C-alpha atoms as a PDB file:
ATOM      1  CA  MET A   1       0.000   0.000   0.000  1.00  0.00           C
ATOM      2  CA  LYS A   2       2.875   2.377   0.829  1.00  0.00           C
ATOM      3  CA  ASN A   3       4.421   1.672  -2.587  1.00  0.00           C
ATOM      4  CA  PHE A   4       1.131   2.529  -4.317  1.00  0.00           C
ATOM      5  CA  ILE A   5       0.891   5.864  -2.493  1.00  0.00           C
ATOM      6  CA  LYS A   6       4.523   6.698  -3.321  1.00  0.00           C
ATOM      7  CA  LEU A   7       3.962   5.855  -7.011  1.00  0.00           C
ATOM      8  CA  THR A   8       0.831   7.995  -7.089  1.00  0.00           C
ATOM      9  CA  GLN A   9       2.679  10.935  -5.534  1.00  0.00           C
ATOM     10  CA  LEU A  10       5.531  10.488  -7.986  1.00  0.00           C
ATOM     11  CA  PHE A  11       3.131  10.561 -10.967  1.00  0.00           C
ATOM     12  CA  ILE A  12       1.419  13.672  -9.636  1.00  0.00           C
ATOM     13  CA  VAL A  13       4.761  15.468  -9.232  1.00  0.00           C
ATOM     14  CA  LEU A  14       5.834  14.431 -12.757  1.00  0.00           C
ATOM     15  CA  ILE A  15       2.558  15.681 -14.234  1.00  0.00           C
ATOM     16  CA  PHE A  16       2.991  19.077 -12.547  1.00  0.00           C
ATOM     17  CA  LEU A  17       6.587  19.367 -13.713  1.00  0.00           C
ATOM     18  CA  ASN A  18       5.690  18.530 -17.301  1.00  0.00           C
ATOM     19  CA  SER A  19       2.805  20.996 -17.388  1.00  0.00           C
ATOM     20  CA  CYS A  20       4.977  23.845 -16.073  1.00  0.00           C
ATOM     21  CA  LYS A  21       7.661  23.144 -18.636  1.00  0.00           C
ATOM     22  CA  ALA A  22       5.146  23.226 -21.498  1.00  0.00           C
ATOM     23  CA  THR A  23       3.811  26.573 -20.338  1.00  0.00           C
ATOM     24  CA  ILE A  24       7.301  28.057 -20.207  1.00  0.00           C
ATOM     25  CA  ASN A  25       8.014  26.843 -23.767  1.00  0.00           C
ATOM     26  CA  LYS A  26       4.788  28.401 -25.065  1.00  0.00           C
ATOM     27  CA  GLU A  27       5.648  31.743 -23.474  1.00  0.00           C
ATOM     28  CA  GLU A  28       9.101  31.690 -25.096  1.00  0.00           C
ATOM     29  CA  LEU A  29       7.534  30.925 -28.465  1.00  0.00           C
ATOM     30  CA  LYS A  30       5.095  33.802 -28.052  1.00  0.00           C
ATOM     31  CA  LYS A  31       7.932  36.203 -27.251  1.00  0.00           C
ATOM     32  CA  ASP A  32       9.938  35.001 -30.267  1.00  0.00           C
ATOM     33  CA  SER A  33       6.969  35.242 -32.622  1.00  0.00           C
ATOM     34  CA  LYS A  34       6.301  38.835 -31.527  1.00  0.00           C
ATOM     35  CA  THR A  35       9.849  39.890 -32.358  1.00  0.00           C
ATOM     36  CA  GLN A  36       9.716  38.083 -35.703  1.00  0.00           C
ATOM     37  CA  ASN A  37       6.445  39.803 -36.631  1.00  0.00           C
ATOM     38  CA  SER A  38       7.852  43.228 -35.844  1.00  0.00           C
ATOM     39  CA  GLU A  39      10.986  42.477 -37.896  1.00  0.00           C
ATOM     40  CA  GLN A  40       8.865  41.270 -40.819  1.00  0.00           C
ATOM     41  CA  LEU A  41       6.745  44.422 -40.645  1.00  0.00           C
ATOM     42  CA  ASN A  42       9.857  46.587 -40.779  1.00  0.00           C
ATOM     43  CA  ILE A  43      11.146  44.681 -43.807  1.00  0.00           C
ATOM     44  CA  GLU A  44       7.802  44.947 -45.605  1.00  0.00           C
ATOM     45  CA  LYS A  45       7.579  48.674 -44.963  1.00  0.00           C
ATOM     46  CA  ASN A  46      10.976  49.246 -46.521  1.00  0.00           C
ATOM     47  CA  LYS A  47      10.416  47.382 -49.811  1.00  0.00           C
ATOM     48  CA  MET A  48       7.832  47.954 -52.513  1.00  0.00           C
ATOM     49  CA  GLU A  49       7.076  46.811 -56.054  1.00  0.00           C
ATOM     50  CA  VAL A  50       5.621  49.332 -58.502  1.00  0.00           C
ATOM     51  CA  ARG A  51       4.324  48.574 -62.009  1.00  0.00           C
ATOM     52  CA  PHE A  52       3.721  51.020 -64.865  1.00  0.00           C
ATOM     53  CA  SER A  53       2.308  49.814 -68.158  1.00  0.00           C
ATOM     54  CA  CYS A  54       1.573  51.038 -71.668  1.00  0.00           C
ATOM     55  CA  GLY A  55       3.684  54.180 -71.588  1.00  0.00           C
ATOM     56  CA  LYS A  56       2.451  55.529 -68.245  1.00  0.00           C
ATOM     57  CA  GLU A  57       5.276  56.674 -65.977  1.00  0.00           C
ATOM     58  CA  GLY A  58       5.222  57.876 -62.397  1.00  0.00           C
ATOM     59  CA  ILE A  59       8.437  56.595 -60.858  1.00  0.00           C
ATOM     60  CA  SER A  60       9.788  60.112 -60.290  1.00  0.00           C
ATOM     61  CA  LYS A  61       7.196  60.649 -57.542  1.00  0.00           C
ATOM     62  CA  PHE A  62       8.632  57.697 -55.606  1.00  0.00           C
ATOM     63  CA  LEU A  63      12.237  58.734 -56.232  1.00  0.00           C
ATOM     64  CA  ASN A  64      11.477  62.219 -54.877  1.00  0.00           C
ATOM     65  CA  ASP A  65      10.041  60.610 -51.709  1.00  0.00           C
ATOM     66  CA  GLY A  66      13.396  58.914 -51.029  1.00  0.00           C
ATOM     67  CA  TRP A  67      12.865  55.473 -52.577  1.00  0.00           C
ATOM     68  CA  ILE A  68      15.808  53.817 -54.347  1.00  0.00           C
ATOM     69  CA  ILE A  69      15.454  51.503 -57.367  1.00  0.00           C
ATOM     70  CA  VAL A  70      16.887  48.114 -56.431  1.00  0.00           C
ATOM     71  CA  GLU A  71      15.855  46.233 -59.558  1.00  0.00           C
ATOM     72  CA  GLU A  72      14.139  47.171 -62.795  1.00  0.00           C
ATOM     73  CA  TYR A  73      12.804  44.923 -65.528  1.00  0.00           C
ATOM     74  CA  SER A  74      10.148  45.043 -68.212  1.00  0.00           C
ATOM     75  CA  GLU A  75       7.550  42.619 -69.504  1.00  0.00           C
ATOM     76  CA  GLU A  76       5.413  42.592 -72.617  1.00  0.00           C
ATOM     77  CA  LYS A  77       1.762  43.447 -71.924  1.00  0.00           C
ATOM     78  CA  ILE A  78      -1.376  43.901 -73.984  1.00  0.00           C
ATOM     79  CA  CYS A  79      -2.600  47.492 -73.672  1.00  0.00           C
ATOM     80  CA  THR A  80      -5.856  47.375 -75.633  1.00  0.00           C
ATOM     81  CA  TRP A  81      -8.148  44.700 -77.087  1.00  0.00           C
ATOM     82  CA  LYS A  82     -10.362  44.791 -80.158  1.00  0.00           C
ATOM     83  CA  SER A  83     -13.438  42.718 -80.919  1.00  0.00           C
ATOM     84  CA  PHE A  84     -14.927  41.707 -84.238  1.00  0.00           C
ATOM     85  CA  PRO A  85     -17.721  39.339 -85.326  1.00  0.00           C
ATOM     86  CA  ALA A  86     -16.809  35.754 -86.150  1.00  0.00           C
ATOM     87  CA  THR A  87     -19.218  35.584 -89.118  1.00  0.00           C
ATOM     88  CA  LYS A  88     -20.890  38.142 -91.377  1.00  0.00           C
ATOM     89  CA  GLY A  89     -24.370  37.706 -89.892  1.00  0.00           C
ATOM     90  CA  CYS A  90     -23.222  37.756 -86.290  1.00  0.00           C
ATOM     91  CA  ASP A  91     -24.678  40.414 -83.968  1.00  0.00           C
ATOM     92  CA  MET A  92     -22.068  40.898 -81.221  1.00  0.00           C
ATOM     93  CA  GLU A  93     -24.504  42.720 -78.911  1.00  0.00           C
ATOM     94  CA  LYS A  94     -27.092  39.897 -78.862  1.00  0.00           C
ATOM     95  CA  ASP A  95     -24.883  36.826 -79.273  1.00  0.00           C
ATOM     96  CA  LYS A  96     -21.757  37.029 -77.147  1.00  0.00           C
ATOM     97  CA  GLY A  97     -20.557  33.646 -78.432  1.00  0.00           C
ATOM     98  CA  CYS A  98     -19.797  34.991 -81.903  1.00  0.00           C
ATOM     99  CA  LYS A  99     -17.540  37.804 -80.685  1.00  0.00           C
ATOM    100  CA  ILE A 100     -13.800  37.289 -81.195  1.00  0.00           C
ATOM    101  CA  THR A 101     -11.442  39.383 -79.113  1.00  0.00           C
ATOM    102  CA  THR A 102      -7.799  39.851 -80.090  1.00  0.00           C
ATOM    103  CA  PRO A 103      -4.988  42.093 -78.838  1.00  0.00           C
ATOM    104  CA  ASP A 104      -4.909  45.501 -80.497  1.00  0.00           C
ATOM    105  CA  LYS A 105      -1.868  47.263 -79.059  1.00  0.00           C
ATOM    106  CA  ILE A 106       0.991  45.522 -77.309  1.00  0.00           C
ATOM    107  CA  GLY A 107       3.112  47.614 -75.003  1.00  0.00           C
ATOM    108  CA  GLU A 108       5.639  47.238 -72.246  1.00  0.00           C
ATOM    109  CA  GLU A 109       5.081  46.986 -68.509  1.00  0.00           C
ATOM    110  CA  LYS A 110       7.972  48.201 -66.377  1.00  0.00           C
ATOM    111  CA  VAL A 111       8.402  46.734 -62.917  1.00  0.00           C
ATOM    112  CA  TYR A 112      10.450  48.548 -60.308  1.00  0.00           C
ATOM    113  CA  LEU A 113      11.548  47.036 -56.999  1.00  0.00           C
ATOM    114  CA  LEU A 114      12.021  49.952 -54.623  1.00  0.00           C
ATOM    115  CA  GLU A 115      13.686  50.168 -51.230  1.00  0.00           C
ATOM    116  CA  LYS A 116      13.656  52.933 -48.657  1.00  0.00           C
END
């Protein structure tokens, strides 16, 4: 009987020790995650991607605000589309299935990666 009581007390002490340790680990994780979130927010605030397409420019506004161009590249982009009927008797307003849409003007989209 004495052995049973000692084993029970030992299990109770082990359970309490394990539960305290888990709580301490969770608090450390919470503290670490808070610092990581604040660091990520600072990084996100300092970098930005800006896109200008089809001859529209506005990068000078960002450069005047103190942003620096880290990387610049351009991609081909369709600026306007044109539609025409697929057959001679096709009414594009009534029958949307007979309307064919193709690219009209192809331009360039410039992408700027900015950093402050």
